[in-house]
Amino acid sequence: MHLIWENLVKNLTLLWTGEFKGLDSGKEEYELGKAVWEGIASKTSIAGDTIPSAYGSRVPNIAKDRPNVSAEMWSFWTLYLGPVLLRRRFKHVKYYRHFIQLVRLLNICMQFEITDDEIEEVRTGFIAWVRTYEDIYFQNDVERMSTCPLTIHALLHIAQGIKFCGPVWCYWAFPMERYCGSLQPGIRSRRFPWASIDRYVIETAQLTQIKTVYNVARELSLIAAPTDTPGSFKDPLYPSCILLPPKSPATPTKNQIATIAAALATRWGANMADVNTALKEAVIQEWGKVRRTDSEEGDTMRSCSLGVIAEDSRDATYVRYEMLVDLNARYKNRPEKFELQTFYGQLTHIYWVNFPDPGAVLDDDEPATYILAAIRNCVLKADDPELAGLDVHFIARTGTLDLIDITSVQSLVGRVQDISSDWAIIDRSGALARGEWKGEDED
């Protein structure tokens, strides 16, 4: 898999730009114009501003700064940026479809779990992809034999490797390279470096075993335990998240309180008068950030309306969230039928609302606390059939303001602007990372 990013994808970009070993496009027309490729490269570097840091390193300009593009960056560009930035850039759509077919197969290969049916899909998919590659780039011309390096043939063996060894994350080069980097501090002797490494590996393994057997990982950790951010707040009723500064010293405006009242009235099934009465006694605080502690998908999300944004910061305000939608809302005489649906939008406000005595509205007299997220919904265009299954969605416009419980916010998402200035949402969490709502009557 490592050579896909370091060799295959690099060779494809060289072919598209007419820089592959002096070859032209032959009888095909897959080359991109210089201005087109420079535009794609420029959009690639700009995309770092609108993609959260949790997604990985910024990808530099792949036309001007190609030597500094690492395998990890090529991986991110191929799986997330390429499908958006290459869309409608080729003279013929077959070249784009061929690239998207590669992306789909790579997504399957990189899954945490993979079934036998998916392995077979990978096997037949790469056979078809290589045949199409030979038609487009090799063109059955012996003078173009250089377009078929060993890494093209290696694609045909990926499925077999997964069948015998498991998903590629178990043995690919990235973890091994990081492990080799972790051994560098163990080299204490220039004269006997190998003996130093051997001793370091053995002692590290012994320490790991002691931590595991005696459950003393924290006590024997050589890395300082992370401390809470100064000014942060954790509510015992919301163990899955932590509120982070800044915290607004001002009281929410009347419009904000009205929005909160409407959301709570729907949640409680109460009338607005009772909710407004309860809100007069409530403590309402607005926070600037929230951190998910039960999942790495959410990471740290921030609202766009509170706090100072640094010039070199990366946008962490767009999120994926889920809500129950009544499918019969348009029909007054039909019973409610709820379905869990996925939405995307920009996080605008984060509220902590505490009711010391909600008895006027609720049957329970115990204090009640809610952490609410106000999200400006993104209305999406119809999904592009060419991008089916890649979790890439284009934004048509901004929509309504949804006020939901913070636990309904699932993860951060990134945005990429294509050459036509259309914004696309990219979501790395994937279907396996999403919860499933089975309904109130099901276990």
Protein backbone atom coordinates (compact mmCIF):
# COMPACT_ATOMS: atom_id res chain seq x y z
CA MET A 1 0.00 0.00 0.00
CA HIS A 2 2.86 2.37 0.77
CA LEU A 3 4.07 2.16 -2.83
CA ILE A 4 0.63 3.17 -4.09
CA TRP A 5 1.16 6.63 -2.62
CA GLU A 6 4.89 6.83 -3.34
CA ASN A 7 4.78 5.39 -6.85
CA LEU A 8 1.38 4.73 -8.45
CA VAL A 9 -0.31 8.03 -7.61
CA LYS A 10 2.83 10.03 -8.37
CA ASN A 11 3.09 8.32 -11.78
CA LEU A 12 -0.55 9.08 -12.53
CA THR A 13 0.00 12.78 -11.83
CA LEU A 14 3.10 12.75 -14.03
CA LEU A 15 1.10 11.16 -16.84
CA TRP A 16 -1.69 13.73 -16.44
CA THR A 17 0.82 16.59 -16.64
CA GLY A 18 2.84 15.16 -19.56
CA GLU A 19 5.99 14.74 -17.43
CA PHE A 20 6.23 10.96 -17.34
CA LYS A 21 9.58 9.90 -18.86
CA GLY A 22 9.12 12.04 -21.95
CA LEU A 23 5.92 10.31 -23.08
CA ASP A 24 2.97 12.16 -24.54
CA SER A 25 -0.63 11.00 -24.29
CA GLY A 26 -0.33 8.87 -27.46
CA LYS A 27 -3.73 8.11 -28.96
CA GLU A 28 -5.53 9.18 -25.77
CA GLU A 29 -6.28 12.65 -24.38
CA TYR A 30 -5.73 12.27 -20.64
CA GLU A 31 -3.24 15.14 -20.22
CA LEU A 32 -4.40 18.17 -18.28
CA GLY A 33 -3.47 21.65 -19.39
CA LYS A 34 -0.77 23.46 -17.44
CA ALA A 35 -3.22 26.09 -16.19
CA VAL A 36 -5.68 23.40 -15.13
CA TRP A 37 -3.08 21.46 -13.14
CA GLU A 38 -1.73 24.62 -11.51
CA GLY A 39 -5.29 25.49 -10.50
CA ILE A 40 -5.75 22.03 -8.96
CA ALA A 41 -2.43 22.37 -7.12
CA SER A 42 -3.37 25.82 -5.83
CA LYS A 43 -6.75 24.60 -4.58
CA THR A 44 -4.94 21.70 -2.89
CA SER A 45 -2.76 24.02 -0.81
CA ILE A 46 -5.67 26.34 0.03
CA ALA A 47 -7.80 23.39 1.18
CA GLY A 48 -5.65 23.11 4.31
CA ASP A 49 -7.42 26.18 5.72
CA THR A 50 -10.86 24.54 5.59
CA ILE A 51 -9.90 21.02 6.68
CA PRO A 52 -9.47 20.36 10.44
CA SER A 53 -6.01 19.44 11.68
CA ALA A 54 -7.48 16.14 12.95
CA TYR A 55 -7.63 15.05 9.31
CA GLY A 56 -3.84 15.22 8.92
CA SER A 57 -1.09 17.48 7.69
CA ARG A 58 -1.66 20.29 5.24
CA VAL A 59 -0.96 19.21 1.67
CA PRO A 60 1.32 21.76 -0.04
CA ASN A 61 1.14 22.88 -3.65
CA ILE A 62 1.66 19.58 -5.50
CA ALA A 63 2.88 21.37 -8.63
CA LYS A 64 5.50 23.63 -7.06
CA ASP A 65 6.42 21.75 -3.88
CA ARG A 66 6.17 18.11 -4.99
CA PRO A 67 9.39 16.88 -3.27
CA ASN A 68 7.91 17.80 0.13
CA VAL A 69 4.68 15.86 -0.40
CA SER A 70 4.91 12.80 1.86
CA ALA A 71 3.20 9.43 1.38
CA GLU A 72 0.62 10.42 4.00
CA MET A 73 -0.16 13.61 2.07
CA TRP A 74 -0.50 11.73 -1.22
CA SER A 75 -2.84 9.31 0.54
CA PHE A 76 -5.05 12.15 1.79
CA TRP A 77 -4.98 13.89 -1.59
CA THR A 78 -5.97 10.69 -3.41
CA LEU A 79 -8.78 9.67 -1.08
CA TYR A 80 -10.30 13.08 -0.29
CA LEU A 81 -9.03 15.99 -2.40
CA GLY A 82 -8.50 14.32 -5.76
CA PRO A 83 -12.12 13.21 -6.28
CA VAL A 84 -13.28 16.81 -5.84
CA LEU A 85 -10.48 18.71 -7.59
CA LEU A 86 -10.24 16.40 -10.63
CA ARG A 87 -14.00 16.40 -11.20
CA ARG A 88 -14.84 17.67 -14.72
CA ARG A 89 -11.21 18.54 -15.39
CA PHE A 90 -10.43 15.85 -17.98
CA LYS A 91 -11.48 16.12 -21.61
CA HIS A 92 -13.22 12.75 -21.36
CA VAL A 93 -15.02 11.47 -18.27
CA LYS A 94 -13.56 7.96 -18.63
CA TYR A 95 -10.23 9.13 -17.19
CA TYR A 96 -11.95 10.53 -14.12
CA ARG A 97 -14.06 7.41 -13.69
CA HIS A 98 -10.92 5.30 -13.87
CA PHE A 99 -9.36 7.34 -11.05
CA ILE A 100 -12.53 7.17 -8.94
CA GLN A 101 -12.60 3.40 -9.38
CA LEU A 102 -9.10 3.30 -7.86
CA VAL A 103 -10.23 5.46 -4.93
CA ARG A 104 -13.17 3.16 -4.21
CA LEU A 105 -10.93 0.08 -4.18
CA LEU A 106 -8.39 1.79 -1.92
CA ASN A 107 -11.14 2.77 0.51
CA ILE A 108 -12.15 -0.88 0.81
CA CYS A 109 -8.53 -1.96 1.31
CA MET A 110 -8.08 0.52 4.16
CA GLN A 111 -11.16 -0.52 6.13
CA PHE A 112 -10.60 -1.66 9.69
CA GLU A 113 -12.58 -4.82 8.93
CA ILE A 114 -13.09 -6.45 5.54
CA THR A 115 -15.36 -9.31 4.49
CA ASP A 116 -14.74 -12.13 2.01
CA ASP A 117 -17.17 -10.51 -0.44
CA GLU A 118 -15.24 -7.25 -0.23
CA ILE A 119 -11.95 -9.06 -0.81
CA GLU A 120 -13.45 -10.57 -3.95
CA GLU A 121 -14.61 -7.10 -4.98
CA VAL A 122 -11.05 -5.85 -4.54
CA ARG A 123 -9.67 -8.76 -6.57
CA THR A 124 -12.01 -8.32 -9.54
CA GLY A 125 -11.91 -4.54 -9.24
CA PHE A 126 -8.13 -4.30 -9.55
CA ILE A 127 -8.15 -6.72 -12.48
CA ALA A 128 -10.58 -4.45 -14.29
CA TRP A 129 -8.68 -1.33 -13.22
CA VAL A 130 -5.33 -2.64 -14.50
CA ARG A 131 -6.86 -3.65 -17.83
CA THR A 132 -8.32 -0.18 -18.27
CA TYR A 133 -4.99 1.35 -17.21
CA GLU A 134 -3.22 -0.62 -19.92
CA ASP A 135 -5.75 0.57 -22.52
CA ILE A 136 -5.42 4.22 -21.50
CA TYR A 137 -1.74 4.63 -20.66
CA PHE A 138 0.14 1.61 -22.08
CA GLN A 139 -2.00 1.44 -25.23
CA ASN A 140 -0.40 -1.90 -26.19
CA ASP A 141 2.61 0.01 -27.47
CA VAL A 142 6.04 -1.43 -26.67
CA GLU A 143 7.44 2.10 -26.75
CA ARG A 144 5.22 2.90 -23.76
CA MET A 145 6.30 -0.10 -21.68
CA SER A 146 7.65 2.28 -19.00
CA THR A 147 4.06 3.10 -18.03
CA CYS A 148 3.73 -0.42 -16.57
CA PRO A 149 6.15 -0.63 -13.62
CA LEU A 150 6.06 -3.47 -11.11
CA THR A 151 3.67 -1.53 -8.86
CA ILE A 152 0.92 -1.88 -11.48
CA HIS A 153 1.29 -5.66 -11.46
CA ALA A 154 1.42 -5.63 -7.64
CA LEU A 155 -2.16 -4.32 -7.54
CA LEU A 156 -3.31 -7.74 -8.73
CA HIS A 157 -1.90 -9.34 -5.56
CA ILE A 158 -3.44 -6.99 -2.97
CA ALA A 159 -6.59 -9.07 -2.54
CA GLN A 160 -4.54 -12.23 -2.06
CA GLY A 161 -2.39 -10.48 0.53
CA ILE A 162 -5.46 -9.33 2.46
CA LYS A 163 -6.90 -12.85 2.31
CA PHE A 164 -3.82 -14.37 3.91
CA CYS A 165 -2.60 -11.54 6.17
CA GLY A 166 -5.68 -9.50 7.05
CA PRO A 167 -6.49 -5.81 6.43
CA VAL A 168 -3.55 -3.77 5.22
CA TRP A 169 -3.40 -1.61 8.36
CA CYS A 170 -2.01 -4.66 10.19
CA TYR A 171 1.25 -4.70 8.26
CA TRP A 172 1.65 -1.67 6.02
CA ALA A 173 4.68 0.61 6.16
CA PHE A 174 3.35 3.61 8.10
CA PRO A 175 3.36 1.99 11.60
CA MET A 176 6.69 0.33 10.88
CA GLU A 177 8.28 3.65 9.90
CA ARG A 178 6.96 5.25 13.07
CA TYR A 179 8.32 2.36 15.12
CA CYS A 180 11.73 2.72 13.49
CA GLY A 181 11.63 6.40 14.36
CA SER A 182 10.87 5.54 17.99
CA LEU A 183 14.11 3.49 18.13
CA GLN A 184 16.35 6.47 17.44
CA PRO A 185 16.56 7.56 21.12
CA GLY A 186 17.86 4.08 21.93
CA ILE A 187 21.09 4.59 19.97
CA ARG A 188 23.46 5.63 22.74
CA SER A 189 26.70 4.31 21.27
CA ARG A 190 28.17 5.21 17.90
CA ARG A 191 30.58 2.29 18.14
CA PHE A 192 27.94 -0.32 19.01
CA PRO A 193 24.65 1.03 17.63
CA TRP A 194 23.05 -2.38 17.11
CA ALA A 195 23.71 -3.45 20.69
CA SER A 196 22.11 -0.20 21.88
CA ILE A 197 19.01 -0.80 19.77
CA ASP A 198 18.73 -4.42 20.98
CA ARG A 199 18.88 -3.35 24.61
CA TYR A 200 16.37 -0.54 24.05
CA VAL A 201 13.87 -2.89 22.35
CA ILE A 202 14.17 -5.51 25.09
CA GLU A 203 13.77 -3.02 27.93
CA THR A 204 10.83 -1.33 26.23
CA ALA A 205 9.12 -4.71 25.77
CA GLN A 206 9.77 -5.60 29.42
CA LEU A 207 8.31 -2.29 30.59
CA THR A 208 5.24 -2.82 28.39
CA GLN A 209 4.67 -6.29 29.85
CA ILE A 210 4.95 -4.99 33.43
CA LYS A 211 2.41 -2.24 32.67
CA THR A 212 0.01 -4.79 31.22
CA VAL A 213 0.37 -7.53 33.83
CA TYR A 214 0.19 -5.25 36.88
CA ASN A 215 -2.10 -2.55 35.42
CA VAL A 216 0.35 0.26 36.18
CA ALA A 217 0.46 1.93 32.77
CA ARG A 218 -0.13 5.40 34.18
CA GLU A 219 2.37 5.02 37.03
CA LEU A 220 5.15 3.79 34.73
CA SER A 221 4.36 6.04 31.77
CA LEU A 222 7.37 7.98 30.53
CA ILE A 223 5.07 10.60 29.01
CA ALA A 224 3.34 13.12 31.21
CA ALA A 225 -0.40 12.55 31.49
CA PRO A 226 -2.46 15.16 29.66
CA THR A 227 -3.90 17.83 31.91
CA ASP A 228 -7.24 19.53 31.55
CA THR A 229 -7.25 22.80 29.65
CA PRO A 230 -7.39 25.76 32.06
CA GLY A 231 -10.93 27.07 32.20
CA SER A 232 -12.50 23.90 30.83
CA PHE A 233 -15.73 22.48 32.24
CA LYS A 234 -17.08 18.92 32.37
CA ASP A 235 -20.70 18.29 33.25
CA PRO A 236 -21.35 14.93 34.97
CA LEU A 237 -24.52 14.50 32.90
CA TYR A 238 -22.47 14.74 29.69
CA PRO A 239 -19.46 12.45 30.19
CA SER A 240 -18.81 12.27 26.45
CA CYS A 241 -17.66 15.87 26.06
CA ILE A 242 -15.77 18.75 27.69
CA LEU A 243 -16.55 22.43 27.20
CA LEU A 244 -13.50 24.57 26.46
CA PRO A 245 -12.88 28.32 26.60
CA PRO A 246 -13.52 30.94 25.54
CA LYS A 247 -16.70 31.42 27.55
CA SER A 248 -18.84 34.45 26.81
CA PRO A 249 -19.27 36.81 29.77
CA ALA A 250 -22.46 38.20 28.23
CA THR A 251 -25.98 36.88 28.63
CA PRO A 252 -27.47 35.36 25.45
CA THR A 253 -29.65 37.73 23.45
CA LYS A 254 -33.45 37.52 23.36
CA ASN A 255 -33.32 35.86 19.94
CA GLN A 256 -30.91 33.22 21.24
CA ILE A 257 -33.09 32.53 24.29
CA ALA A 258 -36.15 32.26 22.05
CA THR A 259 -34.34 29.67 19.93
CA ILE A 260 -33.37 27.70 23.05
CA ALA A 261 -36.97 27.88 24.34
CA ALA A 262 -38.36 26.54 21.06
CA ALA A 263 -35.92 23.63 21.06
CA LEU A 264 -36.69 22.71 24.69
CA ALA A 265 -40.44 23.00 24.13
CA THR A 266 -40.15 20.44 21.35
CA ARG A 267 -37.95 18.22 23.47
CA TRP A 268 -40.17 18.37 26.55
CA GLY A 269 -43.50 18.42 24.74
CA ALA A 270 -44.41 21.53 26.72
CA ASN A 271 -45.96 24.85 25.78
CA MET A 272 -43.78 27.91 25.23
CA ALA A 273 -45.19 29.83 28.20
CA ASP A 274 -44.06 27.16 30.69
CA VAL A 275 -40.66 26.85 29.04
CA ASN A 276 -40.08 30.62 29.11
CA THR A 277 -41.04 30.66 32.79
CA ALA A 278 -38.46 27.98 33.53
CA LEU A 279 -35.81 29.76 31.46
CA LYS A 280 -36.13 32.89 33.62
CA GLU A 281 -34.59 30.91 36.48
CA ALA A 282 -32.09 29.02 34.33
CA VAL A 283 -28.34 29.62 34.05
CA ILE A 284 -27.29 29.89 30.39
CA GLN A 285 -23.64 30.04 29.37
CA GLU A 286 -22.17 30.19 25.89
CA TRP A 287 -18.87 28.38 25.22
CA GLY A 288 -16.53 28.57 22.26
CA LYS A 289 -15.34 24.95 21.93
CA VAL A 290 -16.37 21.41 22.77
CA ARG A 291 -14.15 18.33 22.81
CA ARG A 292 -15.43 14.81 22.32
CA THR A 293 -13.90 12.47 24.90
CA ASP A 294 -15.56 9.24 23.76
CA SER A 295 -14.33 9.28 20.17
CA GLU A 296 -11.42 10.59 18.13
CA GLU A 297 -13.81 11.32 15.26
CA GLY A 298 -15.21 14.42 16.93
CA ASP A 299 -11.92 15.78 18.25
CA THR A 300 -12.25 19.46 19.18
CA MET A 301 -15.04 21.46 17.53
CA ARG A 302 -15.43 25.20 17.81
CA SER A 303 -18.24 27.64 17.20
CA CYS A 304 -17.77 30.26 14.54
CA SER A 305 -19.25 33.11 16.61
CA LEU A 306 -17.07 33.13 19.72
CA GLY A 307 -13.34 33.58 20.14
CA VAL A 308 -10.47 34.97 18.08
CA ILE A 309 -9.36 32.95 15.06
CA ALA A 310 -5.63 32.95 14.33
CA GLU A 311 -4.47 33.74 10.82
CA ASP A 312 -2.96 30.29 10.28
CA SER A 313 -5.74 28.33 12.02
CA ARG A 314 -7.68 25.54 10.35
CA ASP A 315 -11.46 25.57 10.21
CA ALA A 316 -12.97 23.23 12.81
CA THR A 317 -16.52 24.57 12.74
CA TYR A 318 -18.21 22.28 10.21
CA VAL A 319 -19.67 19.09 11.62
CA ARG A 320 -21.77 16.07 10.81
CA TYR A 321 -24.81 15.59 13.04
CA GLU A 322 -27.88 13.38 13.20
CA MET A 323 -31.54 14.17 13.90
CA LEU A 324 -34.78 12.25 13.98
CA VAL A 325 -37.00 13.47 11.15
CA ASP A 326 -40.75 12.88 11.02
CA LEU A 327 -41.44 11.43 7.57
CA ASN A 328 -45.14 12.25 7.95
CA ALA A 329 -44.65 15.87 9.01
CA ARG A 330 -46.51 17.11 5.92
CA TYR A 331 -49.57 15.02 6.69
CA LYS A 332 -51.64 16.20 9.66
CA ASN A 333 -53.71 13.03 10.02
CA ARG A 334 -50.89 10.51 9.80
CA PRO A 335 -49.04 9.18 12.88
CA GLU A 336 -45.48 10.28 13.51
CA LYS A 337 -42.85 8.16 11.78
CA PHE A 338 -39.29 9.05 12.74
CA GLU A 339 -36.17 8.26 10.78
CA LEU A 340 -32.58 9.06 11.80
CA GLN A 341 -30.97 11.19 9.09
CA THR A 342 -27.50 12.65 8.65
CA PHE A 343 -26.93 16.38 8.18
CA TYR A 344 -23.96 18.71 7.76
CA GLY A 345 -23.59 22.28 8.91
CA GLN A 346 -21.53 24.97 10.64
CA LEU A 347 -21.48 25.07 14.44
CA THR A 348 -22.48 28.61 15.41
CA HIS A 349 -23.16 28.46 19.18
CA ILE A 350 -22.61 26.09 22.11
CA TYR A 351 -24.91 26.56 25.13
CA TRP A 352 -24.79 25.12 28.63
CA VAL A 353 -28.29 25.43 30.11
CA ASN A 354 -28.94 24.53 33.75
CA PHE A 355 -32.37 24.51 35.40
CA PRO A 356 -32.04 24.53 39.22
CA ASP A 357 -35.76 23.77 39.56
CA PRO A 358 -37.48 22.59 36.35
CA GLY A 359 -40.54 21.36 38.25
CA ALA A 360 -42.79 23.91 36.58
CA VAL A 361 -42.37 22.06 33.28
CA LEU A 362 -41.02 18.61 34.13
CA ASP A 363 -42.38 16.07 36.58
CA ASP A 364 -38.90 15.64 38.02
CA ASP A 365 -37.85 18.29 40.55
CA GLU A 366 -34.15 17.41 40.28
CA PRO A 367 -31.87 19.97 38.60
CA ALA A 368 -31.68 19.49 34.81
CA THR A 369 -28.76 20.35 32.56
CA TYR A 370 -28.53 20.46 28.77
CA ILE A 371 -25.63 21.17 26.43
CA LEU A 372 -27.02 22.38 23.14
CA ALA A 373 -25.38 23.04 19.77
CA ALA A 374 -26.75 25.59 17.30
CA ILE A 375 -25.84 24.52 13.76
CA ARG A 376 -26.47 26.36 10.51
CA ASN A 377 -27.60 23.56 8.21
CA CYS A 378 -26.00 23.01 4.78
CA VAL A 379 -28.50 22.21 2.03
CA LEU A 380 -26.81 19.68 -0.22
CA LYS A 381 -27.07 19.19 -3.95
CA ALA A 382 -28.13 15.85 -5.37
CA ASP A 383 -25.23 13.43 -5.02
CA ASP A 384 -23.03 13.11 -8.09
CA PRO A 385 -23.37 9.51 -9.42
CA GLU A 386 -19.67 9.56 -10.27
CA LEU A 387 -18.87 9.96 -6.56
CA ALA A 388 -21.29 7.36 -5.23
CA GLY A 389 -20.00 5.70 -2.07
CA LEU A 390 -17.21 8.22 -1.40
CA ASP A 391 -19.07 10.39 1.15
CA VAL A 392 -18.43 13.55 -0.89
CA HIS A 393 -21.35 16.00 -0.87
CA PHE A 394 -21.61 19.38 -2.59
CA ILE A 395 -23.23 22.33 -0.81
CA ALA A 396 -26.04 24.17 -2.60
CA ARG A 397 -26.69 26.83 0.06
CA THR A 398 -27.04 27.38 3.79
CA GLY A 399 -30.35 26.48 5.37
CA THR A 400 -32.13 26.69 8.72
CA LEU A 401 -30.62 26.91 12.19
CA ASP A 402 -30.93 23.60 14.06
CA LEU A 403 -30.59 23.55 17.85
CA ILE A 404 -29.81 20.02 18.99
CA ASP A 405 -28.31 18.13 21.91
CA ILE A 406 -24.52 18.06 21.74
CA THR A 407 -24.54 14.25 21.75
CA SER A 408 -26.14 14.34 18.29
CA VAL A 409 -23.01 15.98 16.86
CA GLN A 410 -20.98 13.12 15.45
CA SER A 411 -17.73 14.41 14.02
CA LEU A 412 -15.78 17.14 12.31
CA VAL A 413 -15.89 17.38 8.53
CA GLY A 414 -13.73 19.23 6.06
CA ARG A 415 -14.54 21.38 3.05
CA VAL A 416 -12.86 21.62 -0.33
CA GLN A 417 -13.55 24.21 -3.00
CA ASP A 418 -13.24 22.90 -6.54
CA ILE A 419 -12.15 24.79 -9.63
CA SER A 420 -15.73 25.94 -10.22
CA SER A 421 -15.83 27.47 -6.70
CA ASP A 422 -18.36 24.89 -5.51
CA TRP A 423 -17.83 23.71 -1.94
CA ALA A 424 -17.72 19.99 -1.23
CA ILE A 425 -17.91 18.35 2.19
CA ILE A 426 -15.53 15.48 2.86
CA ASP A 427 -16.27 13.11 5.70
CA ARG A 428 -13.59 10.71 6.90
CA SER A 429 -15.62 8.95 9.58
CA GLY A 430 -17.25 6.41 7.28
CA ALA A 431 -20.35 4.30 7.71
CA LEU A 432 -18.73 1.94 10.23
CA ALA A 433 -18.14 4.82 12.63
CA ARG A 434 -21.80 5.85 12.75
CA GLY A 435 -24.38 4.77 15.24
CA GLU A 436 -27.64 3.19 14.19
CA TRP A 437 -31.01 4.21 15.63
CA LYS A 438 -33.35 1.21 15.74
CA GLY A 439 -36.45 2.98 16.99
CA GLU A 440 -38.13 3.32 20.35
CA ASP A 441 -39.78 -0.12 20.31
CA GLU A 442 -36.63 -2.07 19.42
CA ASP A 443 -33.83 -3.24 21.67
